[in-house]
Amino acid sequence: MKSSNHLIDFSNTEIAFKLKTDSELERAYFLFKMIANEPLVRIGTLATNFALKTNLPIEGLIRSTVFDHFCGGVDTEDCLPKINRIYKSGVFSILDYSVEGKQEEKQFDFVVEKTLNLIDFAANNKAIPFTVFKPSAVGRLKIYQKISNNDRLKPDELSEWNRVENRFHTICKYAKKNNISVLIDAEESWIQVAVDKLALKLMKTYNSKKVFVYNTLQAYRWDRLEYLKKIHLLAEKEQFNLGFKLVRGAYMEKERIRAKVNGYVSPICKTKSETDDSFDSCLRYILNNLPHIKLFLGTHNEKSTTEALEIINKLGLCNNDARIWFGQLFGMSDHISFNLAKKGYNVTKYLPFGPVKDVMPYLIRRAEENTSVTGQTTRELKLIKKEKKRRKF
């Protein structure tokens, strides 16, 4: 499906909020108004944590407000109504089990089993093309750090790292068997080296013909374009394919503080403008090398999305080219997701799920990130106001 009219009007709120009832739109407006107030977010976070720890009966309230807006459900079956609902508008889903467990072997094995179950669920649902997992959910942070530092491992640590590698392989092998692609989430820079090494091994093993394994590039790191070029040269030489999820990054303040405390050069771009340039440079490089690289573009940025659309059009590619996917978080940037889908592009929503109490750390972090991201919440409110006005309420 090739369209000559490749540019999209992201201000079309009728398409963006078509699936939202008046009451859901009103709830979204209320939530983003709350999130826009930083002191209120801090107070709300403390109050919510206290209420949950003391077993005050607030789960019902959370479920009907912030949880229902940003999450798919408490389990996979509970997510189905939302999965089916957005799929009717051409938007696919990625289920993300957003429960943060302890850093112990039993928990790591549980996450693998959970991910295999999600692959089974996805294999039986055409609306779910990907599965996702976080490296720190299947291995201890300290062991990733030792591998990243190239430290000598003790025998028990070597065994531990072998178990981590086996968990990655178990997930990717099963995903390939079921024709589901795997997105490996990014971590902090001081453990990402180990993740990159392992992801490279997996791509060599499972991406010989079709791309099943995607590593994540965090473009707020100034070294990612050079890394991308280096890996691409290696892939061409050894004849395997690459898959990359391109994002801006989620650990900026933590990265800068650690670099300052430990006296090394921060791996993070100095300004937002530099991050945008890094992101767009990686985007252009991948799209210009599509025969060997598949792209999952995880962005809430209209400018970067438009940049991608312009390159796709310039290259004469179809809107629904199977090598290019766009992704946004559920409950955010519907004006990007649904307007893209309306034009036939491949679009997914990340649907976090899990028991309400267990998913709260994710929801609190989401609220804090929205508060700190310049313009994100303001934009959501502006679009919701516009749609309310269009609907005359």
Protein backbone atom coordinates (compact mmCIF):
# COMPACT_ATOMS: atom_id res chain seq x y z
CA MET A 1 0.00 0.00 0.00
CA LYS A 2 1.89 3.00 -1.29
CA SER A 3 0.44 6.44 -0.65
CA SER A 4 1.45 9.62 -2.44
CA ASN A 5 0.03 11.58 0.48
CA HIS A 6 2.64 10.40 2.96
CA LEU A 7 2.48 13.33 5.37
CA ILE A 8 0.03 12.95 8.22
CA ASP A 9 -2.02 15.52 10.09
CA PHE A 10 -1.25 14.51 13.67
CA SER A 11 -3.70 17.13 14.92
CA ASN A 12 -6.66 15.07 13.66
CA THR A 13 -8.24 14.26 17.00
CA GLU A 14 -11.32 12.62 15.50
CA ILE A 15 -9.11 9.75 14.30
CA ALA A 16 -6.84 9.88 17.38
CA PHE A 17 -9.66 9.48 19.91
CA LYS A 18 -12.22 7.62 17.81
CA LEU A 19 -12.20 4.65 20.20
CA LYS A 20 -12.58 6.75 23.35
CA THR A 21 -16.05 7.30 24.79
CA ASP A 22 -16.88 10.72 26.21
CA SER A 23 -16.30 9.43 29.74
CA GLU A 24 -12.92 7.90 28.78
CA LEU A 25 -11.89 11.17 27.18
CA GLU A 26 -12.92 13.05 30.33
CA ARG A 27 -10.91 10.62 32.46
CA ALA A 28 -7.85 11.11 30.22
CA TYR A 29 -8.18 14.88 30.61
CA PHE A 30 -8.40 14.53 34.41
CA LEU A 31 -5.35 12.22 34.57
CA PHE A 32 -3.10 14.41 32.43
CA LYS A 33 -4.17 17.50 34.39
CA MET A 34 -3.05 15.69 37.55
CA ILE A 35 0.22 14.54 35.96
CA ALA A 36 0.96 18.09 34.81
CA ASN A 37 1.15 19.15 38.45
CA GLU A 38 4.58 18.02 39.71
CA PRO A 39 3.96 18.61 43.45
CA LEU A 40 0.68 16.71 43.13
CA VAL A 41 2.45 13.78 41.48
CA ARG A 42 4.96 13.64 44.37
CA ILE A 43 2.22 13.77 47.00
CA GLY A 44 0.08 11.26 45.10
CA THR A 45 3.01 8.86 44.82
CA LEU A 46 3.66 8.95 48.56
CA ALA A 47 -0.03 8.59 49.39
CA THR A 48 -0.50 5.69 46.97
CA ASN A 49 2.55 3.80 48.24
CA PHE A 50 1.38 4.28 51.83
CA ALA A 51 -2.16 3.12 51.01
CA LEU A 52 -0.95 -0.01 49.22
CA LYS A 53 1.57 -0.94 51.93
CA THR A 54 -1.06 -0.55 54.66
CA ASN A 55 -3.67 -2.43 52.60
CA LEU A 56 -6.09 0.47 52.39
CA PRO A 57 -8.87 -0.41 49.89
CA ILE A 58 -7.78 1.80 46.97
CA GLU A 59 -7.07 -0.81 44.28
CA GLY A 60 -10.55 -0.36 42.83
CA LEU A 61 -10.00 3.38 42.46
CA ILE A 62 -6.58 2.88 40.85
CA ARG A 63 -8.00 0.19 38.54
CA SER A 64 -10.78 2.44 37.25
CA THR A 65 -8.53 5.47 36.68
CA VAL A 66 -4.78 5.45 36.04
CA PHE A 67 -4.44 1.65 35.63
CA ASP A 68 -7.26 1.35 33.09
CA HIS A 69 -5.90 4.30 31.08
CA PHE A 70 -2.24 3.17 30.87
CA CYS A 71 -2.48 -0.65 31.22
CA GLY A 72 -4.00 -3.55 29.33
CA GLY A 73 -5.31 -5.51 32.30
CA VAL A 74 -4.32 -7.73 35.21
CA ASP A 75 -3.56 -10.76 33.00
CA THR A 76 -3.49 -11.70 29.32
CA GLU A 77 -7.19 -12.60 29.09
CA ASP A 78 -8.08 -9.31 30.77
CA CYS A 79 -6.08 -7.51 28.05
CA LEU A 80 -8.03 -9.06 25.16
CA PRO A 81 -10.86 -6.49 24.95
CA LYS A 82 -8.31 -3.66 24.52
CA ILE A 83 -6.18 -5.70 22.11
CA ASN A 84 -9.20 -6.46 19.93
CA ARG A 85 -10.56 -2.94 20.20
CA ILE A 86 -7.46 -1.17 18.91
CA TYR A 87 -6.77 -3.89 16.33
CA LYS A 88 -10.05 -3.00 14.62
CA SER A 89 -8.46 0.41 13.96
CA GLY A 90 -5.30 -1.18 12.58
CA VAL A 91 -3.14 -0.89 15.73
CA PHE A 92 -1.28 -3.98 16.96
CA SER A 93 -0.34 -4.77 20.58
CA ILE A 94 2.77 -5.79 22.52
CA LEU A 95 2.08 -7.22 25.96
CA ASP A 96 4.63 -6.14 28.56
CA TYR A 97 4.53 -7.89 31.93
CA SER A 98 5.35 -4.83 34.03
CA VAL A 99 5.92 -6.43 37.41
CA GLU A 100 9.34 -5.77 38.94
CA GLY A 101 10.60 -8.84 40.80
CA LYS A 102 13.54 -9.59 43.06
CA GLN A 103 17.04 -10.09 41.63
CA GLU A 104 17.18 -13.83 42.28
CA GLU A 105 17.40 -17.02 40.21
CA LYS A 106 13.87 -18.23 40.96
CA GLN A 107 12.41 -14.93 39.77
CA PHE A 108 14.57 -14.91 36.62
CA ASP A 109 13.29 -18.37 35.66
CA PHE A 110 9.72 -17.25 36.38
CA VAL A 111 10.12 -14.33 33.95
CA VAL A 112 11.35 -16.71 31.25
CA GLU A 113 8.28 -18.93 31.76
CA LYS A 114 6.05 -15.86 31.70
CA THR A 115 7.67 -14.70 28.44
CA LEU A 116 7.23 -18.14 26.85
CA ASN A 117 3.55 -18.02 27.82
CA LEU A 118 3.29 -14.58 26.20
CA ILE A 119 4.83 -16.00 23.02
CA ASP A 120 2.18 -18.74 23.02
CA PHE A 121 -0.50 -16.10 23.52
CA ALA A 122 0.91 -13.97 20.70
CA ALA A 123 1.22 -16.95 18.34
CA ASN A 124 -2.53 -17.47 18.65
CA ASN A 125 -3.43 -13.81 18.14
CA LYS A 126 -2.66 -12.02 14.86
CA ALA A 127 -2.89 -8.68 16.68
CA ILE A 128 0.34 -9.39 18.64
CA PRO A 129 3.46 -9.52 16.40
CA PHE A 130 6.15 -9.05 19.09
CA THR A 131 7.12 -10.08 22.58
CA VAL A 132 9.44 -8.07 24.84
CA PHE A 133 11.64 -8.66 27.86
CA LYS A 134 14.06 -6.70 29.99
CA PRO A 135 17.59 -8.12 30.49
CA SER A 136 17.60 -7.17 34.18
CA ALA A 137 14.48 -9.33 34.61
CA VAL A 138 16.38 -12.48 33.63
CA GLY A 139 19.81 -11.83 35.17
CA ARG A 140 21.52 -10.10 38.06
CA LEU A 141 22.68 -6.52 37.45
CA LYS A 142 26.10 -7.23 38.98
CA ILE A 143 26.83 -10.05 36.55
CA TYR A 144 25.95 -7.86 33.55
CA GLN A 145 28.25 -5.19 34.98
CA LYS A 146 31.14 -7.64 35.36
CA ILE A 147 30.74 -8.80 31.76
CA SER A 148 30.52 -5.17 30.61
CA ASN A 149 33.74 -4.34 32.48
CA ASN A 150 35.43 -7.45 31.06
CA ASP A 151 36.16 -8.59 34.62
CA ARG A 152 37.50 -12.07 35.28
CA LEU A 153 34.62 -14.27 36.47
CA LYS A 154 34.84 -16.78 39.32
CA PRO A 155 33.61 -20.32 38.48
CA ASP A 156 30.20 -19.72 40.12
CA GLU A 157 29.85 -16.40 38.27
CA LEU A 158 30.70 -18.08 34.98
CA SER A 159 27.94 -20.61 35.65
CA GLU A 160 25.60 -17.77 36.51
CA TRP A 161 26.37 -15.96 33.24
CA ASN A 162 25.83 -19.18 31.29
CA ARG A 163 22.37 -19.41 32.85
CA VAL A 164 21.65 -15.82 31.77
CA GLU A 165 22.72 -16.63 28.20
CA ASN A 166 20.56 -19.76 28.23
CA ARG A 167 17.53 -17.72 29.32
CA PHE A 168 18.01 -15.33 26.40
CA HIS A 169 18.41 -18.26 24.00
CA THR A 170 15.35 -20.07 25.39
CA ILE A 171 13.17 -17.02 24.75
CA CYS A 172 14.54 -16.26 21.28
CA LYS A 173 14.53 -19.87 20.08
CA TYR A 174 10.90 -20.33 21.17
CA ALA A 175 9.89 -17.01 19.62
CA LYS A 176 11.42 -17.97 16.27
CA LYS A 177 9.70 -21.37 16.40
CA ASN A 178 6.37 -19.55 16.83
CA ASN A 179 7.12 -16.82 14.26
CA ILE A 180 7.10 -14.05 16.87
CA SER A 181 9.78 -11.33 16.99
CA VAL A 182 11.57 -10.43 20.23
CA LEU A 183 12.37 -6.91 21.44
CA ILE A 184 15.22 -6.83 23.98
CA ASP A 185 14.84 -3.73 26.13
CA ALA A 186 17.78 -1.44 26.87
CA GLU A 187 19.46 -0.96 30.24
CA GLU A 188 21.84 1.58 31.81
CA SER A 189 25.12 2.10 29.91
CA TRP A 190 27.28 0.36 32.53
CA ILE A 191 25.50 -2.95 31.89
CA GLN A 192 24.42 -2.35 28.28
CA VAL A 193 27.78 -3.57 26.91
CA ALA A 194 26.95 -7.08 28.14
CA VAL A 195 23.43 -6.84 26.71
CA ASP A 196 24.81 -5.68 23.34
CA LYS A 197 27.30 -8.57 23.23
CA LEU A 198 24.58 -11.08 23.99
CA ALA A 199 22.07 -9.50 21.58
CA LEU A 200 24.71 -9.68 18.84
CA LYS A 201 25.19 -13.42 19.48
CA LEU A 202 21.43 -13.91 19.30
CA MET A 203 21.09 -11.96 16.04
CA LYS A 204 23.87 -14.08 14.49
CA THR A 205 22.02 -17.22 15.58
CA TYR A 206 18.39 -16.34 14.85
CA ASN A 207 18.50 -13.61 12.18
CA SER A 208 20.21 -15.54 9.38
CA LYS A 209 17.28 -15.00 6.99
CA LYS A 210 14.35 -13.30 8.71
CA VAL A 211 14.75 -10.88 11.64
CA PHE A 212 13.43 -12.32 14.90
CA VAL A 213 15.70 -10.58 17.43
CA TYR A 214 15.79 -6.80 17.95
CA ASN A 215 18.27 -5.04 20.23
CA THR A 216 17.50 -1.51 21.48
CA LEU A 217 19.45 1.62 20.54
CA GLN A 218 19.17 4.52 23.00
CA ALA A 219 19.83 7.60 20.89
CA TYR A 220 20.49 9.89 23.86
CA ARG A 221 23.87 8.16 23.93
CA TRP A 222 26.26 10.03 21.64
CA ASP A 223 28.11 6.85 20.59
CA ARG A 224 25.15 4.93 19.15
CA LEU A 225 25.48 5.89 15.48
CA GLU A 226 29.09 4.66 15.37
CA TYR A 227 28.05 1.49 17.20
CA LEU A 228 25.26 0.96 14.66
CA LYS A 229 27.64 1.39 11.72
CA LYS A 230 30.16 -1.02 13.25
CA ILE A 231 27.55 -3.73 13.86
CA HIS A 232 26.13 -3.24 10.37
CA LEU A 233 29.57 -3.82 8.79
CA LEU A 234 29.97 -6.98 10.86
CA ALA A 235 26.51 -8.23 9.85
CA GLU A 236 27.29 -7.68 6.16
CA LYS A 237 30.61 -9.50 6.52
CA GLU A 238 29.16 -12.47 8.43
CA GLN A 239 25.85 -12.47 6.52
CA PHE A 240 23.17 -12.11 9.16
CA ASN A 241 20.42 -9.51 9.58
CA LEU A 242 19.92 -6.86 12.23
CA GLY A 243 16.85 -5.73 14.11
CA PHE A 244 16.86 -2.51 16.14
CA LYS A 245 14.32 -0.79 18.29
CA LEU A 246 15.26 2.90 18.20
CA VAL A 247 14.33 5.02 21.23
CA ARG A 248 15.63 8.18 22.83
CA GLY A 249 16.33 6.65 26.25
CA ALA A 250 14.99 6.46 29.78
CA TYR A 251 17.89 6.82 32.25
CA MET A 252 19.26 10.28 31.46
CA GLU A 253 19.51 11.76 34.97
CA LYS A 254 20.81 8.52 36.48
CA GLU A 255 23.49 8.29 33.76
CA ARG A 256 24.68 11.88 34.23
CA ILE A 257 24.81 11.63 38.02
CA ARG A 258 26.79 8.37 37.94
CA ALA A 259 29.27 9.78 35.40
CA LYS A 260 29.82 12.86 37.56
CA VAL A 261 30.22 10.89 40.81
CA ASN A 262 32.66 8.40 39.23
CA GLY A 263 34.58 10.99 37.20
CA TYR A 264 34.08 9.70 33.67
CA VAL A 265 32.68 11.36 30.55
CA SER A 266 28.90 11.11 30.45
CA PRO A 267 27.67 8.80 27.69
CA ILE A 268 24.60 11.04 27.30
CA CYS A 269 24.24 13.84 24.74
CA LYS A 270 24.63 17.27 26.36
CA THR A 271 21.38 18.76 25.03
CA LYS A 272 17.97 17.67 23.79
CA SER A 273 18.92 19.03 20.38
CA GLU A 274 21.97 16.73 20.26
CA THR A 275 19.77 13.80 21.29
CA ASP A 276 17.31 14.63 18.51
CA ASP A 277 20.19 14.79 16.00
CA SER A 278 21.52 11.44 17.23
CA PHE A 279 18.07 9.87 16.98
CA ASP A 280 17.41 11.19 13.48
CA SER A 281 20.90 10.17 12.28
CA CYS A 282 20.35 6.58 13.48
CA LEU A 283 16.88 6.63 11.93
CA ARG A 284 18.20 7.77 8.54
CA TYR A 285 21.04 5.22 8.61
CA ILE A 286 18.70 2.31 9.33
CA LEU A 287 16.09 3.30 6.75
CA ASN A 288 18.80 3.70 4.10
CA ASN A 289 20.07 0.19 4.86
CA LEU A 290 16.76 -1.66 5.08
CA PRO A 291 17.72 -4.77 3.15
CA HIS A 292 19.86 -5.79 6.13
CA ILE A 293 18.23 -3.96 9.07
CA LYS A 294 14.65 -3.98 10.35
CA LEU A 295 13.40 -1.02 12.36
CA PHE A 296 11.07 -0.70 15.31
CA LEU A 297 10.71 3.05 15.87
CA GLY A 298 9.69 3.69 19.47
CA THR A 299 8.91 7.39 19.61
CA HIS A 300 6.31 9.87 20.84
CA ASN A 301 8.00 12.62 18.83
CA GLU A 302 6.00 13.98 15.88
CA LYS A 303 9.07 15.47 14.16
CA SER A 304 11.00 12.19 14.18
CA THR A 305 7.93 10.30 13.01
CA THR A 306 7.46 12.75 10.13
CA GLU A 307 11.17 12.40 9.28
CA ALA A 308 10.67 8.63 9.01
CA LEU A 309 7.61 9.05 6.79
CA GLU A 310 9.50 11.39 4.46
CA ILE A 311 12.36 8.89 4.07
CA ILE A 312 9.93 6.01 3.51
CA ASN A 313 8.25 8.05 0.77
CA LYS A 314 11.57 9.14 -0.76
CA LEU A 315 12.72 5.51 -0.95
CA GLY A 316 9.46 4.59 -2.68
CA LEU A 317 8.49 2.11 0.03
CA CYS A 318 4.97 0.98 0.85
CA ASN A 319 3.38 2.42 3.98
CA ASN A 320 2.99 -1.09 5.39
CA ASP A 321 6.53 -2.25 4.55
CA ALA A 322 7.04 -5.21 6.90
CA ARG A 323 10.57 -4.05 7.80
CA ILE A 324 9.32 -0.89 9.54
CA TRP A 325 7.22 -0.67 12.70
CA PHE A 326 6.18 2.27 14.85
CA GLY A 327 5.43 1.96 18.57
CA GLN A 328 3.95 4.08 21.34
CA LEU A 329 2.87 3.41 24.91
CA PHE A 330 -0.77 2.60 25.57
CA GLY A 331 -2.62 5.64 26.89
CA MET A 332 -0.26 8.15 25.26
CA SER A 333 0.28 9.71 21.83
CA ASP A 334 -2.89 8.28 20.31
CA HIS A 335 -2.72 11.10 17.77
CA ILE A 336 0.46 9.49 16.39
CA SER A 337 -0.58 5.82 16.65
CA PHE A 338 -4.06 5.99 15.18
CA ASN A 339 -3.30 8.55 12.48
CA LEU A 340 -0.37 6.38 11.33
CA ALA A 341 -2.56 3.27 11.34
CA LYS A 342 -5.25 5.08 9.36
CA LYS A 343 -2.66 5.57 6.58
CA GLY A 344 -1.71 1.90 6.64
CA TYR A 345 1.60 2.04 8.56
CA ASN A 346 2.56 -0.80 10.94
CA VAL A 347 1.82 0.49 14.44
CA THR A 348 1.91 -1.11 17.87
CA LYS A 349 0.92 -0.08 21.35
CA TYR A 350 2.88 -1.31 24.37
CA LEU A 351 0.28 -2.72 26.79
CA PRO A 352 1.72 -3.09 30.30
CA PHE A 353 -0.17 -5.64 32.39
CA GLY A 354 -0.10 -7.38 35.76
CA PRO A 355 -1.86 -7.25 39.13
CA VAL A 356 -2.79 -3.65 40.02
CA LYS A 357 -0.64 -3.54 43.16
CA ASP A 358 2.40 -5.01 41.38
CA VAL A 359 2.18 -2.67 38.38
CA MET A 360 2.07 0.47 40.55
CA PRO A 361 5.87 1.10 40.39
CA TYR A 362 5.54 1.22 36.59
CA LEU A 363 2.57 3.61 36.76
CA ILE A 364 4.32 5.90 39.24
CA ARG A 365 7.42 6.01 37.03
CA ARG A 366 5.24 6.78 34.02
CA ALA A 367 3.63 9.70 35.87
CA GLU A 368 7.04 11.03 36.95
CA GLU A 369 8.46 10.71 33.42
CA ASN A 370 5.47 12.53 31.94
CA THR A 371 5.97 15.33 34.44
CA SER A 372 9.64 15.70 33.48
CA VAL A 373 9.31 15.37 29.68
CA THR A 374 8.99 18.86 28.25
CA GLY A 375 5.71 19.36 26.44
CA GLN A 376 4.46 15.74 26.57
CA THR A 377 1.63 16.30 29.06
CA THR A 378 0.82 19.76 27.67
CA ARG A 379 0.43 18.24 24.21
CA GLU A 380 -1.87 15.48 25.46
CA LEU A 381 -4.07 18.03 27.22
CA LYS A 382 -4.20 20.29 24.18
CA LEU A 383 -5.33 17.43 21.93
CA ILE A 384 -7.93 16.20 24.41
CA LYS A 385 -9.31 19.74 24.77
CA LYS A 386 -9.55 20.00 20.99
CA GLU A 387 -11.48 16.72 20.77
CA LYS A 388 -13.80 17.72 23.62
CA LYS A 389 -14.56 20.92 21.75
CA ARG A 390 -15.18 18.99 18.53
CA ARG A 391 -17.62 16.73 20.39
CA LYS A 392 -19.12 19.83 22.04
CA PHE A 393 -18.77 18.86 25.70
